[in-house]
Amino acid sequence: MRVDAHHHVWDLSVRDQDWITGPELQPLRRDFGLADLAPQARAAGVDRTVLVQTITVPEETPEFLALAAQGELIAGVVGWTDLTRPDVADELARLRELPGGRHLKGIRHQVQGEPDPEWLLRADVRNGLAAVAEAGLVYDLVVLPHQLPACVRAAAGHPGLTFVLDHLGKPPIATGVLQPWATAVRALAALPNTVCKLSGMVTEADPAKRTVDELRPYADTVLDAFGPGRLMFGSDWPVCTLAASYGQVVEVAEELTRGLGAEERAELFGGTATRVYRL
């Protein structure tokens, strides 16, 4: 089974996506729904997907769970809730009792937008992470490279919680620079409770290039650090459409992993996500 472990949907008539600003992101300022995604995913051989939060509002996660309950494509939801609220454990339990609640597999917060590089290490956030672990969920990390050291400390402090690094930790692919990102991401990979998504690469690349060769050093770094058994493919649709179509993103991932054996590719393109998110 092939799994796309990372995509989004949104309806601007329901809620604005206030992060879509400026001319570069203008192509994203429209609705993107499952009706748009499904035929592209099926054409690329994708059987199941994981729908991931986009904005930090409490209404979005219940909507995503209800959407997952309606069809066969979405097998899991990574939602959002305020980790700093004292009753976060009760809120996670409430979400799981909603329609589609069984599809809740993980929680994510837009840590990349937090001015404090050690936001994950705050006492109230640590309590929230402990509640996520107790609920049997995973925690997705959407961070920038300078926040990776805090991710390492957070993961080390919560050995019972699986941390999933989205988009390789957003390395500066457009610059061609590997350090200090590579050292930091290897430190995270050294912890057994961490996983990484091979996702979000095409939009980090230089718009004038966007070649597989430009992406390869970064993909090779996480392949070596995590191994296929702790890597999972994600399209990052529809954000990826700023640089490539859904099918092209799948093709790029296939090319970057062509040196793997059949079993290793099966893990990266489905097995890891199925296991980690308990799909």
C-alpha atoms as a PDB file:
ATOM      1  CA  MET A   1       0.000   0.000   0.000  1.00  0.00           C
ATOM      2  CA  ARG A   2       1.370   3.416  -0.977  1.00  0.00           C
ATOM      3  CA  VAL A   3       0.756   6.218   1.513  1.00  0.00           C
ATOM      4  CA  ASP A   4       1.061   9.969   1.118  1.00  0.00           C
ATOM      5  CA  ALA A   5       1.933  10.908   4.687  1.00  0.00           C
ATOM      6  CA  HIS A   6       1.513  14.655   4.335  1.00  0.00           C
ATOM      7  CA  HIS A   7      -1.037  16.799   2.537  1.00  0.00           C
ATOM      8  CA  HIS A   8      -3.527  19.567   3.255  1.00  0.00           C
ATOM      9  CA  VAL A   9      -6.950  20.763   2.148  1.00  0.00           C
ATOM     10  CA  TRP A  10      -8.728  24.063   2.688  1.00  0.00           C
ATOM     11  CA  ASP A  11     -11.887  25.923   1.765  1.00  0.00           C
ATOM     12  CA  LEU A  12     -11.484  29.703   1.848  1.00  0.00           C
ATOM     13  CA  SER A  13     -15.246  30.182   2.151  1.00  0.00           C
ATOM     14  CA  VAL A  14     -15.091  28.361   5.494  1.00  0.00           C
ATOM     15  CA  ARG A  15     -11.886  29.914   6.828  1.00  0.00           C
ATOM     16  CA  ASP A  16      -9.108  32.122   5.558  1.00  0.00           C
ATOM     17  CA  GLN A  17      -5.596  30.759   5.359  1.00  0.00           C
ATOM     18  CA  ASP A  18      -3.891  33.855   6.689  1.00  0.00           C
ATOM     19  CA  TRP A  19      -0.419  32.515   5.912  1.00  0.00           C
ATOM     20  CA  ILE A  20      -1.107  32.753   2.170  1.00  0.00           C
ATOM     21  CA  THR A  21       0.285  36.224   1.560  1.00  0.00           C
ATOM     22  CA  GLY A  22       2.336  37.921  -1.132  1.00  0.00           C
ATOM     23  CA  PRO A  23       2.603  37.298  -4.872  1.00  0.00           C
ATOM     24  CA  GLU A  24       4.683  34.109  -4.567  1.00  0.00           C
ATOM     25  CA  LEU A  25       1.914  32.306  -2.678  1.00  0.00           C
ATOM     26  CA  GLN A  26      -0.948  33.784  -4.691  1.00  0.00           C
ATOM     27  CA  PRO A  27      -1.534  30.532  -6.667  1.00  0.00           C
ATOM     28  CA  LEU A  28      -2.541  28.904  -3.364  1.00  0.00           C
ATOM     29  CA  ARG A  29      -5.275  31.459  -2.681  1.00  0.00           C
ATOM     30  CA  ARG A  30      -8.107  29.230  -3.826  1.00  0.00           C
ATOM     31  CA  ASP A  31      -9.929  26.167  -2.549  1.00  0.00           C
ATOM     32  CA  PHE A  32      -8.160  22.799  -2.549  1.00  0.00           C
ATOM     33  CA  GLY A  33     -10.321  19.813  -1.671  1.00  0.00           C
ATOM     34  CA  LEU A  34     -10.360  16.044  -1.799  1.00  0.00           C
ATOM     35  CA  ALA A  35     -12.120  16.140  -5.151  1.00  0.00           C
ATOM     36  CA  ASP A  36      -8.999  17.851  -6.523  1.00  0.00           C
ATOM     37  CA  LEU A  37      -6.557  15.555  -4.761  1.00  0.00           C
ATOM     38  CA  ALA A  38      -8.121  12.116  -5.171  1.00  0.00           C
ATOM     39  CA  PRO A  39      -7.660  11.599  -8.928  1.00  0.00           C
ATOM     40  CA  GLN A  40      -4.072  12.833  -8.792  1.00  0.00           C
ATOM     41  CA  ALA A  41      -3.251  10.587  -5.848  1.00  0.00           C
ATOM     42  CA  ARG A  42      -4.847   7.558  -7.466  1.00  0.00           C
ATOM     43  CA  ALA A  43      -2.991   8.218 -10.716  1.00  0.00           C
ATOM     44  CA  ALA A  44       0.273   8.206  -8.758  1.00  0.00           C
ATOM     45  CA  GLY A  45      -0.602   4.894  -7.120  1.00  0.00           C
ATOM     46  CA  VAL A  46      -1.380   6.394  -3.699  1.00  0.00           C
ATOM     47  CA  ASP A  47      -3.912   4.339  -1.727  1.00  0.00           C
ATOM     48  CA  ARG A  48      -4.126   6.233   1.565  1.00  0.00           C
ATOM     49  CA  THR A  49      -3.176   9.662   2.882  1.00  0.00           C
ATOM     50  CA  VAL A  50      -2.530  11.563   6.088  1.00  0.00           C
ATOM     51  CA  LEU A  51      -4.243  14.957   6.280  1.00  0.00           C
ATOM     52  CA  VAL A  52      -2.230  17.535   8.233  1.00  0.00           C
ATOM     53  CA  GLN A  53      -3.331  20.736   9.985  1.00  0.00           C
ATOM     54  CA  THR A  54      -2.653  24.118   8.401  1.00  0.00           C
ATOM     55  CA  ILE A  55      -3.681  26.775  10.921  1.00  0.00           C
ATOM     56  CA  THR A  56      -3.960  26.952  14.694  1.00  0.00           C
ATOM     57  CA  VAL A  57      -7.703  27.150  15.270  1.00  0.00           C
ATOM     58  CA  PRO A  58      -9.671  24.553  17.276  1.00  0.00           C
ATOM     59  CA  GLU A  59     -12.392  24.164  14.641  1.00  0.00           C
ATOM     60  CA  GLU A  60     -10.121  22.725  11.952  1.00  0.00           C
ATOM     61  CA  THR A  61      -9.344  19.353  13.548  1.00  0.00           C
ATOM     62  CA  PRO A  62     -12.994  18.284  14.048  1.00  0.00           C
ATOM     63  CA  GLU A  63     -13.669  19.275  10.436  1.00  0.00           C
ATOM     64  CA  PHE A  64     -10.743  17.153   9.241  1.00  0.00           C
ATOM     65  CA  LEU A  65     -11.883  14.177  11.307  1.00  0.00           C
ATOM     66  CA  ALA A  66     -15.374  14.410   9.838  1.00  0.00           C
ATOM     67  CA  LEU A  67     -13.876  14.595   6.361  1.00  0.00           C
ATOM     68  CA  ALA A  68     -11.776  11.495   7.012  1.00  0.00           C
ATOM     69  CA  ALA A  69     -14.891   9.634   8.140  1.00  0.00           C
ATOM     70  CA  GLN A  70     -16.626  10.296   4.815  1.00  0.00           C
ATOM     71  CA  GLY A  71     -14.307   8.502   2.440  1.00  0.00           C
ATOM     72  CA  GLU A  72     -11.584   5.951   1.905  1.00  0.00           C
ATOM     73  CA  LEU A  73      -8.610   8.105   0.924  1.00  0.00           C
ATOM     74  CA  ILE A  74      -7.782   9.794   4.253  1.00  0.00           C
ATOM     75  CA  ALA A  75      -6.547   7.169   6.691  1.00  0.00           C
ATOM     76  CA  GLY A  76      -5.214   9.528   9.339  1.00  0.00           C
ATOM     77  CA  VAL A  77      -5.354  13.113  10.571  1.00  0.00           C
ATOM     78  CA  VAL A  78      -2.600  15.124  12.235  1.00  0.00           C
ATOM     79  CA  GLY A  79      -4.584  17.847  13.939  1.00  0.00           C
ATOM     80  CA  TRP A  80      -3.999  20.786  16.209  1.00  0.00           C
ATOM     81  CA  THR A  81      -4.869  21.557  19.787  1.00  0.00           C
ATOM     82  CA  ASP A  82      -3.368  23.987  22.251  1.00  0.00           C
ATOM     83  CA  LEU A  83      -0.634  22.007  23.979  1.00  0.00           C
ATOM     84  CA  THR A  84      -0.327  24.656  26.663  1.00  0.00           C
ATOM     85  CA  ARG A  85      -3.899  24.313  27.993  1.00  0.00           C
ATOM     86  CA  PRO A  86      -4.000  22.538  31.366  1.00  0.00           C
ATOM     87  CA  ASP A  87      -6.789  20.189  30.239  1.00  0.00           C
ATOM     88  CA  VAL A  88      -5.100  19.095  27.009  1.00  0.00           C
ATOM     89  CA  ALA A  89      -5.544  15.401  27.898  1.00  0.00           C
ATOM     90  CA  ASP A  90      -9.306  15.900  28.185  1.00  0.00           C
ATOM     91  CA  GLU A  91      -9.355  17.784  24.883  1.00  0.00           C
ATOM     92  CA  LEU A  92      -7.531  14.961  23.098  1.00  0.00           C
ATOM     93  CA  ALA A  93     -10.045  12.499  24.505  1.00  0.00           C
ATOM     94  CA  ARG A  94     -12.907  14.721  23.328  1.00  0.00           C
ATOM     95  CA  LEU A  95     -11.510  14.893  19.812  1.00  0.00           C
ATOM     96  CA  ARG A  96     -11.322  11.115  19.654  1.00  0.00           C
ATOM     97  CA  GLU A  97     -15.006  10.846  20.554  1.00  0.00           C
ATOM     98  CA  LEU A  98     -16.086  13.082  17.663  1.00  0.00           C
ATOM     99  CA  PRO A  99     -17.271  11.732  14.297  1.00  0.00           C
ATOM    100  CA  GLY A 100     -14.145  10.350  12.640  1.00  0.00           C
ATOM    101  CA  GLY A 101     -12.240  10.582  15.908  1.00  0.00           C
ATOM    102  CA  ARG A 102     -10.584   7.227  15.341  1.00  0.00           C
ATOM    103  CA  HIS A 103      -8.678   8.863  12.483  1.00  0.00           C
ATOM    104  CA  LEU A 104      -6.806  11.206  14.845  1.00  0.00           C
ATOM    105  CA  LYS A 105      -3.225   9.964  14.715  1.00  0.00           C
ATOM    106  CA  GLY A 106      -1.103  12.934  15.703  1.00  0.00           C
ATOM    107  CA  ILE A 107      -0.849  16.568  16.763  1.00  0.00           C
ATOM    108  CA  ARG A 108       1.098  19.429  15.204  1.00  0.00           C
ATOM    109  CA  HIS A 109       1.741  23.050  16.094  1.00  0.00           C
ATOM    110  CA  GLN A 110       3.290  25.695  13.839  1.00  0.00           C
ATOM    111  CA  VAL A 111       6.517  25.788  15.836  1.00  0.00           C
ATOM    112  CA  GLN A 112       8.241  27.398  12.843  1.00  0.00           C
ATOM    113  CA  GLY A 113       6.269  30.557  13.598  1.00  0.00           C
ATOM    114  CA  GLU A 114       7.216  30.726  17.276  1.00  0.00           C
ATOM    115  CA  PRO A 115       9.803  33.458  18.026  1.00  0.00           C
ATOM    116  CA  ASP A 116      11.249  31.422  20.896  1.00  0.00           C
ATOM    117  CA  PRO A 117      13.617  28.825  19.370  1.00  0.00           C
ATOM    118  CA  GLU A 118      13.134  26.702  22.500  1.00  0.00           C
ATOM    119  CA  TRP A 119       9.330  26.839  22.535  1.00  0.00           C
ATOM    120  CA  LEU A 120       9.179  23.037  22.633  1.00  0.00           C
ATOM    121  CA  LEU A 121      11.090  23.060  25.922  1.00  0.00           C
ATOM    122  CA  ARG A 122       8.660  25.267  27.844  1.00  0.00           C
ATOM    123  CA  ALA A 123       7.156  23.531  30.885  1.00  0.00           C
ATOM    124  CA  ASP A 124       3.572  23.909  29.668  1.00  0.00           C
ATOM    125  CA  VAL A 125       4.476  22.577  26.223  1.00  0.00           C
ATOM    126  CA  ARG A 126       6.309  19.615  27.765  1.00  0.00           C
ATOM    127  CA  ASN A 127       3.176  18.793  29.736  1.00  0.00           C
ATOM    128  CA  GLY A 128       1.206  18.891  26.496  1.00  0.00           C
ATOM    129  CA  LEU A 129       3.673  16.597  24.767  1.00  0.00           C
ATOM    130  CA  ALA A 130       3.361  14.153  27.655  1.00  0.00           C
ATOM    131  CA  ALA A 131      -0.420  14.159  27.150  1.00  0.00           C
ATOM    132  CA  VAL A 132       0.025  13.449  23.435  1.00  0.00           C
ATOM    133  CA  ALA A 133       2.231  10.469  24.303  1.00  0.00           C
ATOM    134  CA  GLU A 134      -0.231   9.220  26.904  1.00  0.00           C
ATOM    135  CA  ALA A 135      -3.008   9.367  24.304  1.00  0.00           C
ATOM    136  CA  GLY A 136      -0.990   7.102  21.997  1.00  0.00           C
ATOM    137  CA  LEU A 137      -0.600   9.797  19.363  1.00  0.00           C
ATOM    138  CA  VAL A 138       2.520  11.062  17.580  1.00  0.00           C
ATOM    139  CA  TYR A 139       3.817  14.608  17.348  1.00  0.00           C
ATOM    140  CA  ASP A 140       4.681  16.232  14.016  1.00  0.00           C
ATOM    141  CA  LEU A 141       7.484  18.797  14.026  1.00  0.00           C
ATOM    142  CA  VAL A 142       7.209  21.666  11.559  1.00  0.00           C
ATOM    143  CA  VAL A 143      10.338  23.644  12.360  1.00  0.00           C
ATOM    144  CA  LEU A 144      13.153  25.647  10.847  1.00  0.00           C
ATOM    145  CA  PRO A 145      16.786  24.502  10.996  1.00  0.00           C
ATOM    146  CA  HIS A 146      17.701  26.764  13.932  1.00  0.00           C
ATOM    147  CA  GLN A 147      14.945  25.092  15.991  1.00  0.00           C
ATOM    148  CA  LEU A 148      16.286  21.561  15.480  1.00  0.00           C
ATOM    149  CA  PRO A 149      18.475  21.552  18.625  1.00  0.00           C
ATOM    150  CA  ALA A 150      15.353  22.126  20.719  1.00  0.00           C
ATOM    151  CA  CYS A 151      13.673  19.261  18.843  1.00  0.00           C
ATOM    152  CA  VAL A 152      16.545  16.997  19.852  1.00  0.00           C
ATOM    153  CA  ARG A 153      16.161  17.926  23.512  1.00  0.00           C
ATOM    154  CA  ALA A 154      12.381  17.560  23.383  1.00  0.00           C
ATOM    155  CA  ALA A 155      12.579  14.114  21.789  1.00  0.00           C
ATOM    156  CA  ALA A 156      15.219  13.015  24.284  1.00  0.00           C
ATOM    157  CA  GLY A 157      12.995  14.220  27.112  1.00  0.00           C
ATOM    158  CA  HIS A 158       9.964  12.262  25.859  1.00  0.00           C
ATOM    159  CA  PRO A 159      11.299   8.830  24.860  1.00  0.00           C
ATOM    160  CA  GLY A 160       7.781   7.390  24.819  1.00  0.00           C
ATOM    161  CA  LEU A 161       6.557   9.858  22.179  1.00  0.00           C
ATOM    162  CA  THR A 162       7.304   9.494  18.470  1.00  0.00           C
ATOM    163  CA  PHE A 163       8.381  12.765  16.861  1.00  0.00           C
ATOM    164  CA  VAL A 164       7.885  13.081  13.091  1.00  0.00           C
ATOM    165  CA  LEU A 165      10.040  15.714  11.393  1.00  0.00           C
ATOM    166  CA  ASP A 166       8.123  17.359   8.559  1.00  0.00           C
ATOM    167  CA  HIS A 167       9.895  18.475   5.374  1.00  0.00           C
ATOM    168  CA  LEU A 168      13.376  17.406   6.575  1.00  0.00           C
ATOM    169  CA  GLY A 169      13.336  20.360   8.973  1.00  0.00           C
ATOM    170  CA  LYS A 170      13.205  22.784   6.020  1.00  0.00           C
ATOM    171  CA  PRO A 171      16.887  22.836   5.013  1.00  0.00           C
ATOM    172  CA  PRO A 172      18.107  25.795   2.910  1.00  0.00           C
ATOM    173  CA  ILE A 173      18.098  23.851  -0.349  1.00  0.00           C
ATOM    174  CA  ALA A 174      18.080  26.976  -2.513  1.00  0.00           C
ATOM    175  CA  THR A 175      21.467  27.976  -1.091  1.00  0.00           C
ATOM    176  CA  GLY A 176      23.094  24.576  -1.528  1.00  0.00           C
ATOM    177  CA  VAL A 177      24.375  24.804   2.061  1.00  0.00           C
ATOM    178  CA  LEU A 178      24.186  21.658   4.202  1.00  0.00           C
ATOM    179  CA  GLN A 179      25.553  22.844   7.535  1.00  0.00           C
ATOM    180  CA  PRO A 180      24.568  23.299  10.300  1.00  0.00           C
ATOM    181  CA  TRP A 181      21.283  21.658   9.243  1.00  0.00           C
ATOM    182  CA  ALA A 182      22.882  18.276   8.461  1.00  0.00           C
ATOM    183  CA  THR A 183      24.577  17.980  11.849  1.00  0.00           C
ATOM    184  CA  ALA A 184      21.390  18.948  13.671  1.00  0.00           C
ATOM    185  CA  VAL A 185      19.196  16.554  11.716  1.00  0.00           C
ATOM    186  CA  ARG A 186      21.645  13.706  12.335  1.00  0.00           C
ATOM    187  CA  ALA A 187      21.491  14.444  16.062  1.00  0.00           C
ATOM    188  CA  LEU A 188      17.710  14.137  15.903  1.00  0.00           C
ATOM    189  CA  ALA A 189      17.929  10.919  13.890  1.00  0.00           C
ATOM    190  CA  ALA A 190      20.235   9.427  16.537  1.00  0.00           C
ATOM    191  CA  LEU A 191      17.217   9.203  18.839  1.00  0.00           C
ATOM    192  CA  PRO A 192      15.151   6.039  18.249  1.00  0.00           C
ATOM    193  CA  ASN A 193      11.787   7.811  18.740  1.00  0.00           C
ATOM    194  CA  THR A 194      12.196  10.067  15.711  1.00  0.00           C
ATOM    195  CA  VAL A 195      10.990   9.733  12.117  1.00  0.00           C
ATOM    196  CA  CYS A 196      11.358  12.040   9.095  1.00  0.00           C
ATOM    197  CA  LYS A 197       9.139  12.881   6.139  1.00  0.00           C
ATOM    198  CA  LEU A 198      10.678  13.066   2.697  1.00  0.00           C
ATOM    199  CA  SER A 199       8.453  16.004   1.841  1.00  0.00           C
ATOM    200  CA  GLY A 200       8.422  19.724   1.155  1.00  0.00           C
ATOM    201  CA  MET A 201      11.661  19.699  -0.806  1.00  0.00           C
ATOM    202  CA  VAL A 202      10.608  21.094  -4.176  1.00  0.00           C
ATOM    203  CA  THR A 203       9.357  24.359  -2.682  1.00  0.00           C
ATOM    204  CA  GLU A 204      12.595  24.890  -0.754  1.00  0.00           C
ATOM    205  CA  ALA A 205      14.679  24.580  -3.912  1.00  0.00           C
ATOM    206  CA  ASP A 206      15.951  27.380  -6.129  1.00  0.00           C
ATOM    207  CA  PRO A 207      13.084  28.283  -8.504  1.00  0.00           C
ATOM    208  CA  ALA A 208      15.613  28.711 -11.315  1.00  0.00           C
ATOM    209  CA  LYS A 209      16.863  25.128 -10.887  1.00  0.00           C
ATOM    210  CA  ARG A 210      14.614  22.685  -9.023  1.00  0.00           C
ATOM    211  CA  THR A 211      16.502  19.688 -10.303  1.00  0.00           C
ATOM    212  CA  VAL A 212      16.773  16.287  -8.683  1.00  0.00           C
ATOM    213  CA  ASP A 213      20.516  16.809  -8.359  1.00  0.00           C
ATOM    214  CA  GLU A 214      19.896  19.945  -6.302  1.00  0.00           C
ATOM    215  CA  LEU A 215      17.717  17.970  -3.894  1.00  0.00           C
ATOM    216  CA  ARG A 216      19.846  14.848  -3.704  1.00  0.00           C
ATOM    217  CA  PRO A 217      22.390  15.912  -1.019  1.00  0.00           C
ATOM    218  CA  TYR A 218      19.545  16.685   1.376  1.00  0.00           C
ATOM    219  CA  ALA A 219      17.612  13.519   0.597  1.00  0.00           C
ATOM    220  CA  ASP A 220      20.794  11.451   0.916  1.00  0.00           C
ATOM    221  CA  THR A 221      21.495  13.018   4.315  1.00  0.00           C
ATOM    222  CA  VAL A 222      18.177  11.928   5.811  1.00  0.00           C
ATOM    223  CA  LEU A 223      18.299   8.552   4.046  1.00  0.00           C
ATOM    224  CA  ASP A 224      21.643   7.897   5.686  1.00  0.00           C
ATOM    225  CA  ALA A 225      20.630   9.347   9.059  1.00  0.00           C
ATOM    226  CA  PHE A 226      17.161   7.824   9.492  1.00  0.00           C
ATOM    227  CA  GLY A 227      17.171   4.908   7.078  1.00  0.00           C
ATOM    228  CA  PRO A 228      14.150   3.907   4.971  1.00  0.00           C
ATOM    229  CA  GLY A 229      12.457   2.334   7.986  1.00  0.00           C
ATOM    230  CA  ARG A 230      12.173   5.762   9.607  1.00  0.00           C
ATOM    231  CA  LEU A 231      11.434   7.775   6.485  1.00  0.00           C
ATOM    232  CA  MET A 232       8.042   8.351   4.895  1.00  0.00           C
ATOM    233  CA  PHE A 233       6.979   9.997   1.657  1.00  0.00           C
ATOM    234  CA  GLY A 234       4.758  13.078   1.774  1.00  0.00           C
ATOM    235  CA  SER A 235       3.571  15.205  -1.142  1.00  0.00           C
ATOM    236  CA  ASP A 236       2.894  18.422   0.792  1.00  0.00           C
ATOM    237  CA  TRP A 237       0.038  18.994  -1.660  1.00  0.00           C
ATOM    238  CA  PRO A 238      -1.205  21.590  -2.502  1.00  0.00           C
ATOM    239  CA  VAL A 239       1.772  23.673  -1.328  1.00  0.00           C
ATOM    240  CA  CYS A 240       3.947  21.603  -3.661  1.00  0.00           C
ATOM    241  CA  THR A 241       2.001  22.954  -6.658  1.00  0.00           C
ATOM    242  CA  LEU A 242       3.996  26.168  -6.340  1.00  0.00           C
ATOM    243  CA  ALA A 243       6.868  24.183  -7.855  1.00  0.00           C
ATOM    244  CA  ALA A 244       5.572  20.871  -9.201  1.00  0.00           C
ATOM    245  CA  SER A 245       2.446  18.838  -9.820  1.00  0.00           C
ATOM    246  CA  TYR A 246       1.430  15.994  -7.546  1.00  0.00           C
ATOM    247  CA  GLY A 247       2.658  13.430 -10.031  1.00  0.00           C
ATOM    248  CA  GLN A 248       5.975  15.223 -10.462  1.00  0.00           C
ATOM    249  CA  VAL A 249       6.572  15.251  -6.700  1.00  0.00           C
ATOM    250  CA  VAL A 250       6.033  11.498  -6.598  1.00  0.00           C
ATOM    251  CA  GLU A 251       8.417  11.056  -9.530  1.00  0.00           C
ATOM    252  CA  VAL A 252      11.093  13.154  -7.801  1.00  0.00           C
ATOM    253  CA  ALA A 253      10.810  11.057  -4.641  1.00  0.00           C
ATOM    254  CA  GLU A 254      11.062   7.873  -6.700  1.00  0.00           C
ATOM    255  CA  GLU A 255      14.177   9.152  -8.454  1.00  0.00           C
ATOM    256  CA  LEU A 256      15.823  10.221  -5.193  1.00  0.00           C
ATOM    257  CA  THR A 257      15.275   6.753  -3.722  1.00  0.00           C
ATOM    258  CA  ARG A 258      16.024   4.693  -6.826  1.00  0.00           C
ATOM    259  CA  GLY A 259      19.096   3.169  -5.185  1.00  0.00           C
ATOM    260  CA  LEU A 260      17.030   1.481  -2.471  1.00  0.00           C
ATOM    261  CA  GLY A 261      15.916  -2.129  -2.586  1.00  0.00           C
ATOM    262  CA  ALA A 262      12.290  -3.092  -3.125  1.00  0.00           C
ATOM    263  CA  GLU A 263      11.608  -3.683   0.571  1.00  0.00           C
ATOM    264  CA  GLU A 264      13.243  -0.398   1.557  1.00  0.00           C
ATOM    265  CA  ARG A 265      11.165   1.502  -0.994  1.00  0.00           C
ATOM    266  CA  ALA A 266       8.035  -0.219   0.289  1.00  0.00           C
ATOM    267  CA  GLU A 267       8.842   1.058   3.770  1.00  0.00           C
ATOM    268  CA  LEU A 268       9.475   4.631   2.656  1.00  0.00           C
ATOM    269  CA  PHE A 269       6.419   4.817   0.397  1.00  0.00           C
ATOM    270  CA  GLY A 270       3.975   3.200   2.791  1.00  0.00           C
ATOM    271  CA  GLY A 271       5.231   0.909   5.508  1.00  0.00           C
ATOM    272  CA  THR A 272       6.735   3.558   7.761  1.00  0.00           C
ATOM    273  CA  ALA A 273       3.656   5.792   7.668  1.00  0.00           C
ATOM    274  CA  THR A 274       1.308   2.855   8.223  1.00  0.00           C
ATOM    275  CA  ARG A 275       3.278   1.755  11.257  1.00  0.00           C
ATOM    276  CA  VAL A 276       4.044   5.153  12.811  1.00  0.00           C
ATOM    277  CA  TYR A 277       0.533   6.576  12.376  1.00  0.00           C
ATOM    278  CA  ARG A 278      -1.152   3.218  13.032  1.00  0.00           C
ATOM    279  CA  LEU A 279      -3.206   3.519   9.872  1.00  0.00           C
END
